[in-house]
Amino acid sequence: MDGKARAGDVTGGAPPLRTSPPEAERPLDTGTSGTLIRPRREALGEYVAALESGWSPANVAGDAVVRAHLAAIGRDADAFLESLHDPEARGAPIALPDGTNVPRLPGYTRWIWDGGFCGAVHFRWQPGTAALPSHVLGHVGYAVVPWKRGRGHARRALALLLPEARAVGLPHVDLTTDPENIASQRVILAQGGYLVERFRKDAAYGGQEGLLFRIPL
């Protein structure tokens, strides 16, 4: 699941950016209730196992992302983990599915954890505005591993991330789904989201149809 923004400027100015959300610094939870953690060494083995099973943290160009992440972890695991937390957009440009390179936005990834690895949720934004470039499919994207779906992990992960979106000054977050992805649509609607429009994705993503949802903050 991903999202696409069609929004105007944030009013009132953005508060100071919290680069280390409280959820990111808590010890690994051994309970069954889902939480968000900053990617770290203690959980990396389970992340690698999920990748090797064929699961991808991305819904676009998923296989390529799996290969890239496994290669990066093999080269330098610590550098890979650091790359998943980039609120100042210091990383390299992003390669789109058609090979185009575009500037990186501020953003970070959190892993969904219930005593074990459940999936990933991604957050990105443009400072001072709720708008996103047309090639960015939304402020938030998430993916849950197949063997832990149907347990409410995506719904809880999105709920936990929304205060962080509010903390960087966003008045809302925009997300997209494919029209047939009913499960993701239910996750968004459960957090107060609503359908804004049908749209065509950029040519870099094949120009396919998507649904744009918005969650007010």
C-alpha atoms as a PDB file:
ATOM      1  CA  MET A   1       0.000   0.000   0.000  1.00  0.00           C
ATOM      2  CA  ASP A   2       1.183   3.499  -0.785  1.00  0.00           C
ATOM      3  CA  GLY A   3      -0.156   7.032  -0.887  1.00  0.00           C
ATOM      4  CA  LYS A   4      -0.251  10.045  -3.219  1.00  0.00           C
ATOM      5  CA  ALA A   5      -0.629  13.684  -2.174  1.00  0.00           C
ATOM      6  CA  ARG A   6      -2.576  16.404  -3.950  1.00  0.00           C
ATOM      7  CA  ALA A   7      -2.516  18.943  -1.121  1.00  0.00           C
ATOM      8  CA  GLY A   8      -1.686  22.578  -0.514  1.00  0.00           C
ATOM      9  CA  ASP A   9       0.738  24.259   1.856  1.00  0.00           C
ATOM     10  CA  VAL A  10       0.711  23.594   5.573  1.00  0.00           C
ATOM     11  CA  THR A  11      -0.681  26.584   7.412  1.00  0.00           C
ATOM     12  CA  GLY A  12       0.723  27.984  10.615  1.00  0.00           C
ATOM     13  CA  GLY A  13       4.264  26.672  10.097  1.00  0.00           C
ATOM     14  CA  ALA A  14       5.741  23.331  11.109  1.00  0.00           C
ATOM     15  CA  PRO A  15       6.852  22.595  14.676  1.00  0.00           C
ATOM     16  CA  PRO A  16      10.419  21.417  15.316  1.00  0.00           C
ATOM     17  CA  LEU A  17      11.064  18.030  13.754  1.00  0.00           C
ATOM     18  CA  ARG A  18      11.364  15.115  16.145  1.00  0.00           C
ATOM     19  CA  THR A  19      14.009  12.977  14.528  1.00  0.00           C
ATOM     20  CA  SER A  20      13.822  10.186  17.122  1.00  0.00           C
ATOM     21  CA  PRO A  21      10.195   9.311  17.876  1.00  0.00           C
ATOM     22  CA  PRO A  22       9.645   7.699  21.299  1.00  0.00           C
ATOM     23  CA  GLU A  23       8.528   4.436  19.681  1.00  0.00           C
ATOM     24  CA  ALA A  24      11.888   4.129  17.972  1.00  0.00           C
ATOM     25  CA  GLU A  25      13.897   4.059  21.173  1.00  0.00           C
ATOM     26  CA  ARG A  26      11.905   1.580  23.266  1.00  0.00           C
ATOM     27  CA  PRO A  27      13.340  -1.889  23.951  1.00  0.00           C
ATOM     28  CA  LEU A  28      12.058  -4.681  21.747  1.00  0.00           C
ATOM     29  CA  ASP A  29       8.604  -5.669  22.979  1.00  0.00           C
ATOM     30  CA  THR A  30       8.163  -9.357  23.720  1.00  0.00           C
ATOM     31  CA  GLY A  31       4.396  -9.071  24.026  1.00  0.00           C
ATOM     32  CA  THR A  32       1.759  -9.702  21.396  1.00  0.00           C
ATOM     33  CA  SER A  33       0.402  -6.171  20.938  1.00  0.00           C
ATOM     34  CA  GLY A  34       1.912  -4.545  17.884  1.00  0.00           C
ATOM     35  CA  THR A  35       4.263  -1.587  18.217  1.00  0.00           C
ATOM     36  CA  LEU A  36       6.649   0.328  15.967  1.00  0.00           C
ATOM     37  CA  ILE A  37      10.409   0.144  16.400  1.00  0.00           C
ATOM     38  CA  ARG A  38      13.272   1.845  14.659  1.00  0.00           C
ATOM     39  CA  PRO A  39      15.110  -0.762  12.540  1.00  0.00           C
ATOM     40  CA  ARG A  40      17.963  -2.185  14.577  1.00  0.00           C
ATOM     41  CA  ARG A  41      20.408  -5.039  14.801  1.00  0.00           C
ATOM     42  CA  GLU A  42      18.355  -7.098  17.258  1.00  0.00           C
ATOM     43  CA  ALA A  43      15.510  -7.373  14.746  1.00  0.00           C
ATOM     44  CA  LEU A  44      17.571  -7.544  11.559  1.00  0.00           C
ATOM     45  CA  GLY A  45      17.702 -11.332  11.386  1.00  0.00           C
ATOM     46  CA  GLU A  46      13.929 -11.584  11.206  1.00  0.00           C
ATOM     47  CA  TYR A  47      13.813  -8.833   8.570  1.00  0.00           C
ATOM     48  CA  VAL A  48      16.329 -10.725   6.436  1.00  0.00           C
ATOM     49  CA  ALA A  49      14.332 -13.937   6.861  1.00  0.00           C
ATOM     50  CA  ALA A  50      11.193 -12.146   5.674  1.00  0.00           C
ATOM     51  CA  LEU A  51      13.021 -10.824   2.600  1.00  0.00           C
ATOM     52  CA  GLU A  52      14.441 -14.247   1.819  1.00  0.00           C
ATOM     53  CA  SER A  53      10.924 -15.723   1.999  1.00  0.00           C
ATOM     54  CA  GLY A  54       9.905 -13.466  -0.897  1.00  0.00           C
ATOM     55  CA  TRP A  55       8.125 -10.737   1.093  1.00  0.00           C
ATOM     56  CA  SER A  56       8.893  -7.153   0.073  1.00  0.00           C
ATOM     57  CA  PRO A  57       8.571  -3.963   2.143  1.00  0.00           C
ATOM     58  CA  ALA A  58       7.539  -2.142  -1.057  1.00  0.00           C
ATOM     59  CA  ASN A  59       4.471  -2.670  -3.215  1.00  0.00           C
ATOM     60  CA  VAL A  60       6.124  -1.097  -6.266  1.00  0.00           C
ATOM     61  CA  ALA A  61       9.117  -2.880  -7.848  1.00  0.00           C
ATOM     62  CA  GLY A  62       9.024  -5.246  -4.890  1.00  0.00           C
ATOM     63  CA  ASP A  63      11.452  -7.857  -6.203  1.00  0.00           C
ATOM     64  CA  ALA A  64      14.057  -5.206  -6.999  1.00  0.00           C
ATOM     65  CA  VAL A  65      13.706  -3.768  -3.489  1.00  0.00           C
ATOM     66  CA  VAL A  66      14.236  -7.203  -1.951  1.00  0.00           C
ATOM     67  CA  ARG A  67      17.423  -7.740  -3.932  1.00  0.00           C
ATOM     68  CA  ALA A  68      18.698  -4.255  -3.150  1.00  0.00           C
ATOM     69  CA  HIS A  69      18.055  -4.586   0.577  1.00  0.00           C
ATOM     70  CA  LEU A  70      19.686  -8.005   0.860  1.00  0.00           C
ATOM     71  CA  ALA A  71      22.718  -6.729  -1.035  1.00  0.00           C
ATOM     72  CA  ALA A  72      22.980  -3.609   1.144  1.00  0.00           C
ATOM     73  CA  ILE A  73      22.719  -5.661   4.333  1.00  0.00           C
ATOM     74  CA  GLY A  74      25.432  -7.975   3.049  1.00  0.00           C
ATOM     75  CA  ARG A  75      27.752  -5.042   2.361  1.00  0.00           C
ATOM     76  CA  ASP A  76      27.216  -3.119   5.600  1.00  0.00           C
ATOM     77  CA  ALA A  77      24.299  -3.950   7.880  1.00  0.00           C
ATOM     78  CA  ASP A  78      24.774  -0.919  10.131  1.00  0.00           C
ATOM     79  CA  ALA A  79      24.823   1.473   7.178  1.00  0.00           C
ATOM     80  CA  PHE A  80      21.657  -0.150   5.836  1.00  0.00           C
ATOM     81  CA  LEU A  81      19.862   0.336   9.135  1.00  0.00           C
ATOM     82  CA  GLU A  82      20.946   3.966   9.272  1.00  0.00           C
ATOM     83  CA  SER A  83      19.654   4.520   5.748  1.00  0.00           C
ATOM     84  CA  LEU A  84      16.129   3.677   6.904  1.00  0.00           C
ATOM     85  CA  HIS A  85      16.077   6.757   9.139  1.00  0.00           C
ATOM     86  CA  ASP A  86      16.680   9.871   7.044  1.00  0.00           C
ATOM     87  CA  PRO A  87      14.534  12.800   8.282  1.00  0.00           C
ATOM     88  CA  GLU A  88      16.946  15.278   6.684  1.00  0.00           C
ATOM     89  CA  ALA A  89      17.007  13.605   3.242  1.00  0.00           C
ATOM     90  CA  ARG A  90      20.771  13.142   3.195  1.00  0.00           C
ATOM     91  CA  GLY A  91      20.648   9.865   1.289  1.00  0.00           C
ATOM     92  CA  ALA A  92      21.194   9.195  -2.387  1.00  0.00           C
ATOM     93  CA  PRO A  93      18.502   9.938  -4.976  1.00  0.00           C
ATOM     94  CA  ILE A  94      15.670   7.430  -5.376  1.00  0.00           C
ATOM     95  CA  ALA A  95      15.437   5.273  -8.504  1.00  0.00           C
ATOM     96  CA  LEU A  96      11.879   4.977  -9.838  1.00  0.00           C
ATOM     97  CA  PRO A  97      10.679   1.758 -11.513  1.00  0.00           C
ATOM     98  CA  ASP A  98      11.414   3.201 -14.973  1.00  0.00           C
ATOM     99  CA  GLY A  99      15.019   3.971 -13.989  1.00  0.00           C
ATOM    100  CA  THR A 100      14.534   7.704 -13.441  1.00  0.00           C
ATOM    101  CA  ASN A 101      16.437   9.137 -10.472  1.00  0.00           C
ATOM    102  CA  VAL A 102      14.615  11.705  -8.323  1.00  0.00           C
ATOM    103  CA  PRO A 103      15.644  13.614  -5.183  1.00  0.00           C
ATOM    104  CA  ARG A 104      15.080  11.860  -1.888  1.00  0.00           C
ATOM    105  CA  LEU A 105      12.474  13.290   0.496  1.00  0.00           C
ATOM    106  CA  PRO A 106      12.800  13.413   4.279  1.00  0.00           C
ATOM    107  CA  GLY A 107      11.454  10.198   5.689  1.00  0.00           C
ATOM    108  CA  TYR A 108      11.961   7.067   7.723  1.00  0.00           C
ATOM    109  CA  THR A 109      10.874   3.456   8.104  1.00  0.00           C
ATOM    110  CA  ARG A 110       9.579   1.756  11.215  1.00  0.00           C
ATOM    111  CA  TRP A 111       9.274  -1.990  11.634  1.00  0.00           C
ATOM    112  CA  ILE A 112       6.042  -3.431  12.984  1.00  0.00           C
ATOM    113  CA  TRP A 113       6.835  -5.660  15.951  1.00  0.00           C
ATOM    114  CA  ASP A 114       4.712  -7.912  18.180  1.00  0.00           C
ATOM    115  CA  GLY A 115       7.524  -9.876  19.766  1.00  0.00           C
ATOM    116  CA  GLY A 116       8.580 -10.770  16.230  1.00  0.00           C
ATOM    117  CA  PHE A 117       8.825  -9.035  12.868  1.00  0.00           C
ATOM    118  CA  CYS A 118       5.425  -8.242  11.305  1.00  0.00           C
ATOM    119  CA  GLY A 119       6.162  -5.777   8.511  1.00  0.00           C
ATOM    120  CA  ALA A 120       7.194  -2.207   7.772  1.00  0.00           C
ATOM    121  CA  VAL A 121       5.589   1.218   7.586  1.00  0.00           C
ATOM    122  CA  HIS A 122       7.201   4.089   5.672  1.00  0.00           C
ATOM    123  CA  PHE A 123       6.698   7.832   6.138  1.00  0.00           C
ATOM    124  CA  ARG A 124       7.926  10.657   3.868  1.00  0.00           C
ATOM    125  CA  TRP A 125       7.072  14.345   3.528  1.00  0.00           C
ATOM    126  CA  GLN A 126       8.138  17.700   2.099  1.00  0.00           C
ATOM    127  CA  PRO A 127       9.077  20.308   4.729  1.00  0.00           C
ATOM    128  CA  GLY A 128       6.606  23.171   5.002  1.00  0.00           C
ATOM    129  CA  THR A 129       3.923  21.689   2.764  1.00  0.00           C
ATOM    130  CA  ALA A 130       1.445  18.836   2.667  1.00  0.00           C
ATOM    131  CA  ALA A 131       1.982  18.440  -1.090  1.00  0.00           C
ATOM    132  CA  LEU A 132       4.181  15.758  -2.613  1.00  0.00           C
ATOM    133  CA  PRO A 133       5.757  15.427  -6.055  1.00  0.00           C
ATOM    134  CA  SER A 134       3.551  13.483  -8.448  1.00  0.00           C
ATOM    135  CA  HIS A 135       6.037  10.605  -8.535  1.00  0.00           C
ATOM    136  CA  VAL A 136       5.715  10.058  -4.761  1.00  0.00           C
ATOM    137  CA  LEU A 137       2.826   7.732  -4.006  1.00  0.00           C
ATOM    138  CA  GLY A 138       1.835   9.286  -0.722  1.00  0.00           C
ATOM    139  CA  HIS A 139       3.038  10.171   2.731  1.00  0.00           C
ATOM    140  CA  VAL A 140       2.623   6.663   4.115  1.00  0.00           C
ATOM    141  CA  GLY A 141       3.082   3.139   2.820  1.00  0.00           C
ATOM    142  CA  TYR A 142       3.036  -0.168   4.668  1.00  0.00           C
ATOM    143  CA  ALA A 143       3.396  -3.889   4.107  1.00  0.00           C
ATOM    144  CA  VAL A 144       2.710  -6.778   6.502  1.00  0.00           C
ATOM    145  CA  VAL A 145       4.274 -10.216   6.102  1.00  0.00           C
ATOM    146  CA  PRO A 146       1.757 -12.792   4.811  1.00  0.00           C
ATOM    147  CA  TRP A 147       1.912 -15.012   7.890  1.00  0.00           C
ATOM    148  CA  LYS A 148       0.844 -12.169  10.195  1.00  0.00           C
ATOM    149  CA  ARG A 149      -1.903 -10.598   8.146  1.00  0.00           C
ATOM    150  CA  GLY A 150      -5.455 -10.446   9.448  1.00  0.00           C
ATOM    151  CA  ARG A 151      -4.326  -9.583  12.996  1.00  0.00           C
ATOM    152  CA  GLY A 152      -4.773  -5.794  12.838  1.00  0.00           C
ATOM    153  CA  HIS A 153      -1.054  -5.005  12.514  1.00  0.00           C
ATOM    154  CA  ALA A 154      -1.450  -2.617   9.583  1.00  0.00           C
ATOM    155  CA  ARG A 155      -4.291  -0.782  11.299  1.00  0.00           C
ATOM    156  CA  ARG A 156      -2.315  -0.364  14.515  1.00  0.00           C
ATOM    157  CA  ALA A 157       0.873   0.655  12.688  1.00  0.00           C
ATOM    158  CA  LEU A 158      -0.952   3.400  10.821  1.00  0.00           C
ATOM    159  CA  ALA A 159      -2.589   4.615  14.030  1.00  0.00           C
ATOM    160  CA  LEU A 160       0.803   4.802  15.763  1.00  0.00           C
ATOM    161  CA  LEU A 161       2.379   6.682  12.864  1.00  0.00           C
ATOM    162  CA  LEU A 162      -0.256   9.420  12.562  1.00  0.00           C
ATOM    163  CA  PRO A 163       0.963  11.407  15.614  1.00  0.00           C
ATOM    164  CA  GLU A 164       4.426  11.499  14.025  1.00  0.00           C
ATOM    165  CA  ALA A 165       2.937  12.937  10.839  1.00  0.00           C
ATOM    166  CA  ARG A 166       1.191  15.573  12.925  1.00  0.00           C
ATOM    167  CA  ALA A 167       4.482  16.350  14.681  1.00  0.00           C
ATOM    168  CA  VAL A 168       6.166  17.431  11.423  1.00  0.00           C
ATOM    169  CA  GLY A 169       3.326  19.872  10.744  1.00  0.00           C
ATOM    170  CA  LEU A 170       1.133  17.942   8.324  1.00  0.00           C
ATOM    171  CA  PRO A 171      -2.602  18.720   8.466  1.00  0.00           C
ATOM    172  CA  HIS A 172      -3.361  15.368   6.843  1.00  0.00           C
ATOM    173  CA  VAL A 173      -1.693  12.385   5.222  1.00  0.00           C
ATOM    174  CA  ASP A 174      -2.553  11.079   1.779  1.00  0.00           C
ATOM    175  CA  LEU A 175      -2.309   7.416   0.818  1.00  0.00           C
ATOM    176  CA  THR A 176      -3.169   5.416  -2.263  1.00  0.00           C
ATOM    177  CA  THR A 177      -4.273   1.883  -2.918  1.00  0.00           C
ATOM    178  CA  ASP A 178      -4.995  -0.108  -6.017  1.00  0.00           C
ATOM    179  CA  PRO A 179      -8.759  -0.288  -6.616  1.00  0.00           C
ATOM    180  CA  GLU A 180      -8.853  -4.004  -5.812  1.00  0.00           C
ATOM    181  CA  ASN A 181      -6.909  -3.690  -2.527  1.00  0.00           C
ATOM    182  CA  ILE A 182      -9.926  -3.751  -0.236  1.00  0.00           C
ATOM    183  CA  ALA A 183      -7.901  -4.726   2.847  1.00  0.00           C
ATOM    184  CA  SER A 184      -5.749  -1.575   2.680  1.00  0.00           C
ATOM    185  CA  GLN A 185      -8.797   0.575   2.033  1.00  0.00           C
ATOM    186  CA  ARG A 186     -10.375  -0.770   5.224  1.00  0.00           C
ATOM    187  CA  VAL A 187      -7.207   0.064   7.168  1.00  0.00           C
ATOM    188  CA  ILE A 188      -7.353   3.680   5.971  1.00  0.00           C
ATOM    189  CA  LEU A 189     -11.086   4.058   6.567  1.00  0.00           C
ATOM    190  CA  ALA A 190     -10.659   2.727  10.124  1.00  0.00           C
ATOM    191  CA  GLN A 191      -8.374   5.717  10.862  1.00  0.00           C
ATOM    192  CA  GLY A 192     -10.927   8.267   9.645  1.00  0.00           C
ATOM    193  CA  GLY A 193      -9.710   8.328   6.053  1.00  0.00           C
ATOM    194  CA  TYR A 194     -11.930   9.070   3.094  1.00  0.00           C
ATOM    195  CA  LEU A 195     -11.713   8.663  -0.674  1.00  0.00           C
ATOM    196  CA  VAL A 196     -10.617  11.822  -2.497  1.00  0.00           C
ATOM    197  CA  GLU A 197     -10.438  10.639  -6.090  1.00  0.00           C
ATOM    198  CA  ARG A 198      -9.448   8.086  -8.658  1.00  0.00           C
ATOM    199  CA  PHE A 199      -6.247   8.995 -10.497  1.00  0.00           C
ATOM    200  CA  ARG A 200      -3.671   7.711 -12.932  1.00  0.00           C
ATOM    201  CA  LYS A 201      -0.207   7.020 -11.564  1.00  0.00           C
ATOM    202  CA  ASP A 202       2.771   8.656 -13.210  1.00  0.00           C
ATOM    203  CA  ALA A 203       4.185   6.966 -16.297  1.00  0.00           C
ATOM    204  CA  ALA A 204       7.126   5.806 -14.161  1.00  0.00           C
ATOM    205  CA  TYR A 205       4.653   3.491 -12.405  1.00  0.00           C
ATOM    206  CA  GLY A 206       2.941   2.334 -15.580  1.00  0.00           C
ATOM    207  CA  GLY A 207       0.096   4.839 -15.616  1.00  0.00           C
ATOM    208  CA  GLN A 208      -2.216   2.452 -13.807  1.00  0.00           C
ATOM    209  CA  GLU A 209      -5.330   3.542 -11.945  1.00  0.00           C
ATOM    210  CA  GLY A 210      -5.169   4.202  -8.221  1.00  0.00           C
ATOM    211  CA  LEU A 211      -7.392   5.471  -5.448  1.00  0.00           C
ATOM    212  CA  LEU A 212      -6.334   8.506  -3.411  1.00  0.00           C
ATOM    213  CA  PHE A 213      -7.387   8.561   0.251  1.00  0.00           C
ATOM    214  CA  ARG A 214      -6.847  11.248   2.889  1.00  0.00           C
ATOM    215  CA  ILE A 215      -6.694  11.036   6.687  1.00  0.00           C
ATOM    216  CA  PRO A 216      -7.151  14.386   8.466  1.00  0.00           C
ATOM    217  CA  LEU A 217      -4.819  14.997  11.396  1.00  0.00           C
END
